PDB file of N, CA and C in Angstrom:
ATOM      1  N   MET A   1     -12.974   7.729  33.244  1.00  0.00           N
ATOM      2  CA  MET A   1     -14.445   7.142  32.142  1.00  0.00           C
ATOM      3  C   MET A   1     -14.254   8.349  31.025  1.00  0.00           C
ATOM      4  N   THR A   2     -13.665   8.919  31.474  1.00  0.00           N
ATOM      5  CA  THR A   2     -13.704  10.256  30.745  1.00  0.00           C
ATOM      6  C   THR A   2     -12.326  10.208  29.373  1.00  0.00           C
ATOM      7  N   ILE A   3     -11.462   9.076  30.046  1.00  0.00           N
ATOM      8  CA  ILE A   3     -10.250   9.307  29.225  1.00  0.00           C
ATOM      9  C   ILE A   3     -10.562   8.175  28.230  1.00  0.00           C
ATOM     10  N   LEU A   4     -11.001   7.221  28.347  1.00  0.00           N
ATOM     11  CA  LEU A   4     -11.468   5.915  27.705  1.00  0.00           C
ATOM     12  C   LEU A   4     -12.256   6.308  26.434  1.00  0.00           C
ATOM     13  N   PHE A   5     -13.655   7.305  27.112  1.00  0.00           N
ATOM     14  CA  PHE A   5     -14.436   7.522  26.104  1.00  0.00           C
ATOM     15  C   PHE A   5     -13.866   8.739  24.890  1.00  0.00           C
ATOM     16  N   SER A   6     -12.247   8.941  25.193  1.00  0.00           N
ATOM     17  CA  SER A   6     -11.949   9.869  23.990  1.00  0.00           C
ATOM     18  C   SER A   6     -10.984   9.375  23.731  1.00  0.00           C
ATOM     19  N   SER A   7     -10.282   8.240  24.225  1.00  0.00           N
ATOM     20  CA  SER A   7      -9.799   7.468  23.893  1.00  0.00           C
ATOM     21  C   SER A   7     -10.282   6.054  22.304  1.00  0.00           C
ATOM     22  N   ILE A   8     -12.190   5.933  23.275  1.00  0.00           N
ATOM     23  CA  ILE A   8     -12.412   5.910  21.899  1.00  0.00           C
ATOM     24  C   ILE A   8     -13.431   6.500  20.273  1.00  0.00           C
ATOM     25  N   ALA A   9     -13.273   7.358  20.820  1.00  0.00           N
ATOM     26  CA  ALA A   9     -13.745   8.946  19.947  1.00  0.00           C
ATOM     27  C   ALA A   9     -12.690   9.127  19.273  1.00  0.00           C
ATOM     28  N   ALA A  10     -10.925   8.744  19.534  1.00  0.00           N
ATOM     29  CA  ALA A  10      -9.595   9.490  18.482  1.00  0.00           C
ATOM     30  C   ALA A  10      -9.630   7.683  18.048  1.00  0.00           C
ATOM     31  N   LEU A  11      -9.771   6.656  18.271  1.00  0.00           N
ATOM     32  CA  LEU A  11      -9.509   5.445  17.472  1.00  0.00           C
ATOM     33  C   LEU A  11     -10.636   5.390  16.353  1.00  0.00           C
ATOM     34  N   ALA A  12     -11.830   5.478  17.153  1.00  0.00           N
ATOM     35  CA  ALA A  12     -13.065   5.570  15.551  1.00  0.00           C
ATOM     36  C   ALA A  12     -12.471   6.950  14.715  1.00  0.00           C
ATOM     37  N   PHE A  13     -12.383   8.496  14.886  1.00  0.00           N
ATOM     38  CA  PHE A  13     -11.160   9.170  14.071  1.00  0.00           C
ATOM     39  C   PHE A  13     -11.125   8.738  12.726  1.00  0.00           C
ATOM     40  N   ALA A  14     -10.199   7.671  13.813  1.00  0.00           N
ATOM     41  CA  ALA A  14      -8.718   7.517  12.878  1.00  0.00           C
ATOM     42  C   ALA A  14      -8.724   6.892  12.555  1.00  0.00           C
ATOM     43  N   SER A  15      -9.765   5.721  12.302  1.00  0.00           N
ATOM     44  CA  SER A  15     -10.049   4.983  11.771  1.00  0.00           C
ATOM     45  C   SER A  15     -10.688   5.739  10.081  1.00  0.00           C
ATOM     46  N   ALA A  16     -11.612   6.357  10.837  1.00  0.00           N
ATOM     47  CA  ALA A  16     -13.025   6.865   9.766  1.00  0.00           C
ATOM     48  C   ALA A  16     -11.966   7.055   8.945  1.00  0.00           C
ATOM     49  N   LEU A  17     -10.699   8.591   9.614  1.00  0.00           N
ATOM     50  CA  LEU A  17     -10.081   9.378   8.888  1.00  0.00           C
ATOM     51  C   LEU A  17      -8.977   8.192   7.773  1.00  0.00           C
ATOM     52  N   GLY A  18      -8.468   7.354   8.433  1.00  0.00           N
ATOM     53  CA  GLY A  18      -7.951   6.450   7.290  1.00  0.00           C
ATOM     54  C   GLY A  18      -8.445   5.568   6.730  1.00  0.00           C
ATOM     55  N   LYS A  19      -9.887   5.793   6.363  1.00  0.00           N
ATOM     56  CA  LYS A  19     -10.662   4.982   5.373  1.00  0.00           C
ATOM     57  C   LYS A  19     -10.247   5.857   4.655  1.00  0.00           C
ATOM     58  N   LEU A  20     -10.833   7.185   5.058  1.00  0.00           N
ATOM     59  CA  LEU A  20     -11.347   8.514   3.741  1.00  0.00           C
ATOM     60  C   LEU A  20     -10.245   8.226   3.202  1.00  0.00           C
ATOM     61  N   LEU A  21      -8.863   8.439   3.576  1.00  0.00           N
ATOM     62  CA  LEU A  21      -7.893   8.112   3.250  1.00  0.00           C
ATOM     63  C   LEU A  21      -7.224   7.751   2.126  1.00  0.00           C
ATOM     64  N   LYS A  22      -7.365   6.695   2.067  1.00  0.00           N
ATOM     65  CA  LYS A  22      -7.777   4.854   1.486  1.00  0.00           C
ATOM     66  C   LYS A  22      -8.836   5.238   0.238  1.00  0.00           C
ATOM     67  N   ARG A  23      -9.659   5.572   0.343  1.00  0.00           N
ATOM     68  CA  ARG A  23     -10.573   6.103  -0.772  1.00  0.00           C
ATOM     69  C   ARG A  23     -10.211   6.440  -1.985  1.00  0.00           C
ATOM     70  N   ASN A  24      -9.954   7.706  -1.210  1.00  0.00           N
ATOM     71  CA  ASN A  24      -9.849   9.082  -1.853  1.00  0.00           C
ATOM     72  C   ASN A  24      -8.064   8.542  -3.097  1.00  0.00           C
ATOM     73  N   ALA A  25      -7.726   7.988  -2.275  1.00  0.00           N
ATOM     74  CA  ALA A  25      -5.491   7.183  -2.770  1.00  0.00           C
ATOM     75  C   ALA A  25      -6.117   6.305  -3.618  1.00  0.00           C
ATOM     76  N   ASP A  26      -6.854   5.133  -3.711  1.00  0.00           N
ATOM     77  CA  ASP A  26      -7.697   4.403  -5.317  1.00  0.00           C
ATOM     78  C   ASP A  26      -7.944   4.916  -5.611  1.00  0.00           C
ATOM     79  N   LEU A  27      -8.772   6.242  -5.522  1.00  0.00           N
ATOM     80  CA  LEU A  27      -9.672   7.052  -6.536  1.00  0.00           C
ATOM     81  C   LEU A  27      -8.347   7.135  -7.577  1.00  0.00           C
ATOM     82  N   TYR A  28      -7.781   8.191  -6.844  1.00  0.00           N
ATOM     83  CA  TYR A  28      -7.182   9.476  -7.301  1.00  0.00           C
ATOM     84  C   TYR A  28      -5.546   8.773  -7.668  1.00  0.00           C
ATOM     85  N   PHE A  29      -5.277   7.623  -6.916  1.00  0.00           N
ATOM     86  CA  PHE A  29      -4.094   6.815  -7.665  1.00  0.00           C
ATOM     87  C   PHE A  29      -4.745   5.611  -8.075  1.00  0.00           C
ATOM     88  N   PRO A  30      -5.456   4.481  -8.700  1.00  0.00           N
ATOM     89  CA  PRO A  30      -5.274   3.759  -8.808  1.00  0.00           C
ATOM     90  C   PRO A  30      -3.763   2.455  -8.825  1.00  0.00           C
ATOM     91  N   ARG A  31      -4.330   1.759  -8.664  1.00  0.00           N
ATOM     92  CA  ARG A  31      -2.956   0.580  -8.496  1.00  0.00           C
ATOM     93  C   ARG A  31      -2.843   0.262  -9.869  1.00  0.00           C
ATOM     94  N   CYS A  32      -1.271   0.010 -10.809  1.00  0.00           N
ATOM     95  CA  CYS A  32      -0.976   0.568 -11.763  1.00  0.00           C
ATOM     96  C   CYS A  32      -1.406  -1.244 -12.363  1.00  0.00           C
ATOM     97  N   ASP A  33      -1.476  -2.396 -11.853  1.00  0.00           N
ATOM     98  CA  ASP A  33      -2.299  -3.756 -11.739  1.00  0.00           C
ATOM     99  C   ASP A  33      -3.265  -3.745 -11.463  1.00  0.00           C
ATOM    100  N   ASP A  34      -4.538  -3.504 -11.231  1.00  0.00           N
ATOM    101  CA  ASP A  34      -6.129  -3.769 -11.498  1.00  0.00           C
ATOM    102  C   ASP A  34      -6.202  -4.753 -12.343  1.00  0.00           C
ATOM    103  N   GLU A  35      -5.780  -4.815 -13.890  1.00  0.00           N
ATOM    104  CA  GLU A  35      -6.131  -5.240 -14.701  1.00  0.00           C
ATOM    105  C   GLU A  35      -5.091  -5.973 -15.561  1.00  0.00           C
ATOM    106  N   GLY A  36      -3.879  -6.900 -14.914  1.00  0.00           N
ATOM    107  CA  GLY A  36      -2.921  -7.239 -15.488  1.00  0.00           C
ATOM    108  C   GLY A  36      -2.085  -6.240 -16.329  1.00  0.00           C
ATOM    109  N   GLU A  37      -2.498  -4.991 -16.055  1.00  0.00           N
ATOM    110  CA  GLU A  37      -1.146  -4.461 -17.509  1.00  0.00           C
ATOM    111  C   GLU A  37       0.219  -4.767 -16.883  1.00  0.00           C
ATOM    112  N   ILE A  38       0.549  -5.388 -15.546  1.00  0.00           N
ATOM    113  CA  ILE A  38       2.182  -5.239 -15.501  1.00  0.00           C
ATOM    114  C   ILE A  38       3.262  -6.801 -16.358  1.00  0.00           C
ATOM    115  N   GLU A  39       1.181  -7.594 -16.596  1.00  0.00           N
ATOM    116  CA  GLU A  39       1.839  -8.557 -17.032  1.00  0.00           C
ATOM    117  C   GLU A  39       1.593  -8.554 -19.188  1.00  0.00           C
ATOM    118  N   ALA A  40       0.537  -7.938 -19.187  1.00  0.00           N
ATOM    119  CA  ALA A  40       0.076  -7.536 -20.158  1.00  0.00           C
ATOM    120  C   ALA A  40       2.001  -7.132 -21.239  1.00  0.00           C
ATOM    121  N   LEU A  41       2.245  -6.089 -20.400  1.00  0.00           N
ATOM    122  CA  LEU A  41       3.750  -5.218 -20.585  1.00  0.00           C
ATOM    123  C   LEU A  41       5.190  -5.767 -20.720  1.00  0.00           C
ATOM    124  N   LEU A  42       5.226  -6.588 -19.837  1.00  0.00           N
ATOM    125  CA  LEU A  42       5.788  -7.861 -20.126  1.00  0.00           C
ATOM    126  C   LEU A  42       6.034  -9.008 -21.216  1.00  0.00           C
ATOM    127  N   ALA A  43       4.502  -9.607 -20.966  1.00  0.00           N
ATOM    128  CA  ALA A  43       4.259 -10.778 -22.277  1.00  0.00           C
ATOM    129  C   ALA A  43       4.269  -9.887 -23.884  1.00  0.00           C
ATOM    130  N   ASP A  44       3.943  -8.610 -24.078  1.00  0.00           N
ATOM    131  CA  ASP A  44       4.376  -8.157 -25.183  1.00  0.00           C
ATOM    132  C   ASP A  44       5.848  -7.215 -25.584  1.00  0.00           C
ATOM    133  N   GLY A  45       6.634  -6.963 -24.104  1.00  0.00           N
ATOM    134  CA  GLY A  45       8.665  -7.341 -24.162  1.00  0.00           C
ATOM    135  C   GLY A  45       9.091  -8.739 -24.631  1.00  0.00           C
ATOM    136  N   LEU A  46       7.742  -9.452 -24.219  1.00  0.00           N
ATOM    137  CA  LEU A  46       9.488 -10.920 -24.116  1.00  0.00           C
ATOM    138  C   LEU A  46       8.531 -11.171 -25.682  1.00  0.00           C
ATOM    139  N   ALA A  47       7.857 -11.153 -26.292  1.00  0.00           N
ATOM    140  CA  ALA A  47       7.146 -11.370 -27.822  1.00  0.00           C
ATOM    141  C   ALA A  47       7.607 -10.684 -28.428  1.00  0.00           C
ATOM    142  N   LEU A  48       8.281  -9.595 -28.478  1.00  0.00           N
ATOM    143  CA  LEU A  48       9.351  -8.820 -29.525  1.00  0.00           C
ATOM    144  C   LEU A  48      11.338  -9.760 -29.126  1.00  0.00           C
ATOM    145  N   ALA A  49      11.044  -9.432 -27.631  1.00  0.00           N
ATOM    146  CA  ALA A  49      12.354 -10.046 -27.734  1.00  0.00           C
ATOM    147  C   ALA A  49      12.269 -11.757 -28.432  1.00  0.00           C
ATOM    148  N   LEU A  50      11.436 -11.984 -28.438  1.00  0.00           N
ATOM    149  CA  LEU A  50      11.775 -13.546 -29.220  1.00  0.00           C
ATOM    150  C   LEU A  50      11.274 -13.247 -30.746  1.00  0.00           C
ATOM    151  N   ALA A  51      10.323 -12.642 -31.770  1.00  0.00           N
ATOM    152  CA  ALA A  51      10.602 -12.443 -32.155  1.00  0.00           C
ATOM    153  C   ALA A  51      12.262 -11.624 -32.847  1.00  0.00           C
ATOM    154  N   LYS A  52      12.744 -10.655 -32.118  1.00  0.00           N
ATOM    155  CA  LYS A  52      14.009  -9.902 -32.460  1.00  0.00           C
ATOM    156  C   LYS A  52      15.489 -11.435 -32.672  1.00  0.00           C
ATOM    157  N   ASP A  53      14.924 -11.759 -31.567  1.00  0.00           N
ATOM    158  CA  ASP A  53      15.630 -13.313 -31.250  1.00  0.00           C
ATOM    159  C   ASP A  53      16.055 -14.594 -32.772  1.00  0.00           C
ATOM    160  N   ALA A  54      14.634 -14.455 -33.413  1.00  0.00           N
ATOM    161  CA  ALA A  54      13.980 -15.598 -34.687  1.00  0.00           C
ATOM    162  C   ALA A  54      14.661 -14.691 -35.696  1.00  0.00           C
ATOM    163  N   ALA A  55      14.548 -13.669 -35.729  1.00  0.00           N
ATOM    164  CA  ALA A  55      14.927 -12.806 -37.028  1.00  0.00           C
ATOM    165  C   ALA A  55      16.189 -12.635 -37.222  1.00  0.00           C
TER     166      ALA A  55
END
């Protein structure tokens, strides 16, 4: 029974630690594409390339 409780406690601790690490990672290292920055960058590059081709 002690092994069962120890296993459950270890899983709960690992889950809590994982959530804490994920929250801190999202806070300090936000994903770069949360607001469409990659699409905006690609669209700007495409517009510049098309303007050069048209000129």
